[in-house]
C-alpha atoms as a PDB file:
ATOM      1  CA  UNK A   1      -9.000 -19.887  -6.783  1.00  0.00           C
ATOM      2  CA  UNK A   2      -9.997 -18.402  -3.329  1.00  0.00           C
ATOM      3  CA  UNK A   3     -13.235 -18.729  -1.609  1.00  0.00           C
ATOM      4  CA  UNK A   4     -12.533 -15.386  -0.348  1.00  0.00           C
ATOM      5  CA  UNK A   5     -13.621 -12.484  -2.462  1.00  0.00           C
ATOM      6  CA  UNK A   6     -11.535  -9.165  -2.772  1.00  0.00           C
ATOM      7  CA  UNK A   7     -13.224  -6.314  -1.183  1.00  0.00           C
ATOM      8  CA  UNK A   8     -13.292  -3.022  -2.477  1.00  0.00           C
ATOM      9  CA  UNK A   9     -10.747  -0.376  -0.939  1.00  0.00           C
ATOM     10  CA  UNK A  10     -12.622   1.216   1.993  1.00  0.00           C
ATOM     11  CA  UNK A  11     -11.102   4.559   1.425  1.00  0.00           C
ATOM     12  CA  UNK A  12     -12.347   4.375  -2.489  1.00  0.00           C
ATOM     13  CA  UNK A  13     -15.999   4.917  -1.300  1.00  0.00           C
ATOM     14  CA  UNK A  14     -17.274   8.545  -1.840  1.00  0.00           C
ATOM     15  CA  UNK A  15     -18.407   9.524   1.844  1.00  0.00           C
ATOM     16  CA  UNK A  16     -20.682  12.577   2.322  1.00  0.00           C
ATOM     17  CA  UNK A  17     -21.121  11.771   6.061  1.00  0.00           C
ATOM     18  CA  UNK A  18     -18.821  10.913   8.980  1.00  0.00           C
ATOM     19  CA  UNK A  19     -19.447   7.050   8.563  1.00  0.00           C
ATOM     20  CA  UNK A  20     -16.342   5.181   9.345  1.00  0.00           C
ATOM     21  CA  UNK A  21     -15.453   2.051   7.266  1.00  0.00           C
ATOM     22  CA  UNK A  22     -13.513  -1.018   8.552  1.00  0.00           C
ATOM     23  CA  UNK A  23     -12.559  -3.938   6.302  1.00  0.00           C
ATOM     24  CA  UNK A  24     -14.051  -7.007   8.090  1.00  0.00           C
ATOM     25  CA  UNK A  25     -10.766  -9.003   7.515  1.00  0.00           C
ATOM     26  CA  UNK A  26      -8.882  -6.200   9.649  1.00  0.00           C
ATOM     27  CA  UNK A  27     -11.429  -7.093  12.598  1.00  0.00           C
ATOM     28  CA  UNK A  28     -10.776 -10.818  12.140  1.00  0.00           C
ATOM     29  CA  UNK A  29      -7.132 -11.280  11.498  1.00  0.00           C
ATOM     30  CA  UNK A  30      -7.296 -15.120  12.117  1.00  0.00           C
ATOM     31  CA  UNK A  31      -9.974 -15.147   9.410  1.00  0.00           C
ATOM     32  CA  UNK A  32     -12.487 -16.894  11.300  1.00  0.00           C
ATOM     33  CA  UNK A  33     -14.265 -15.046  13.979  1.00  0.00           C
ATOM     34  CA  UNK A  34     -14.012 -12.012  16.450  1.00  0.00           C
ATOM     35  CA  UNK A  35     -16.024 -11.048  19.429  1.00  0.00           C
ATOM     36  CA  UNK A  36     -17.150  -7.558  19.573  1.00  0.00           C
ATOM     37  CA  UNK A  37     -18.484  -6.335  22.930  1.00  0.00           C
ATOM     38  CA  UNK A  38     -21.140  -3.553  23.299  1.00  0.00           C
ATOM     39  CA  UNK A  39     -22.510  -2.328  26.548  1.00  0.00           C
ATOM     40  CA  UNK A  40     -21.344  -5.624  28.167  1.00  0.00           C
ATOM     41  CA  UNK A  41     -23.064  -7.930  25.642  1.00  0.00           C
ATOM     42  CA  UNK A  42     -20.726 -10.027  23.460  1.00  0.00           C
ATOM     43  CA  UNK A  43     -21.294 -10.561  19.903  1.00  0.00           C
ATOM     44  CA  UNK A  44     -19.580 -12.787  17.540  1.00  0.00           C
ATOM     45  CA  UNK A  45     -18.734 -11.620  14.250  1.00  0.00           C
ATOM     46  CA  UNK A  46     -17.894 -14.474  11.571  1.00  0.00           C
ATOM     47  CA  UNK A  47     -16.739 -14.702   8.112  1.00  0.00           C
ATOM     48  CA  UNK A  48     -18.484 -17.505   6.311  1.00  0.00           C
ATOM     49  CA  UNK A  49     -16.646 -19.978   3.694  1.00  0.00           C
ATOM     50  CA  UNK A  50     -18.711 -18.120   0.859  1.00  0.00           C
ATOM     51  CA  UNK A  51     -17.300 -14.677   2.137  1.00  0.00           C
ATOM     52  CA  UNK A  52     -20.424 -13.430   3.879  1.00  0.00           C
ATOM     53  CA  UNK A  53     -20.604 -11.868   7.321  1.00  0.00           C
ATOM     54  CA  UNK A  54     -22.611 -13.253  10.226  1.00  0.00           C
ATOM     55  CA  UNK A  55     -23.226 -11.300  13.331  1.00  0.00           C
ATOM     56  CA  UNK A  56     -24.598 -13.023  16.234  1.00  0.00           C
ATOM     57  CA  UNK A  57     -25.278 -12.529  19.924  1.00  0.00           C
END
């Protein structure tokens, strides 16, 4: 059994607003971490072994 949980299909969510949905695993293709830049600040998005997301500056 994998530690990574299956995520629901992001397209299946009933959206009444213009919220964009991304699967975290698409943002983190290597399965570990990805850097995200906003206004010159770099943040790290990481998937833990327990399948949780952590965003740090």
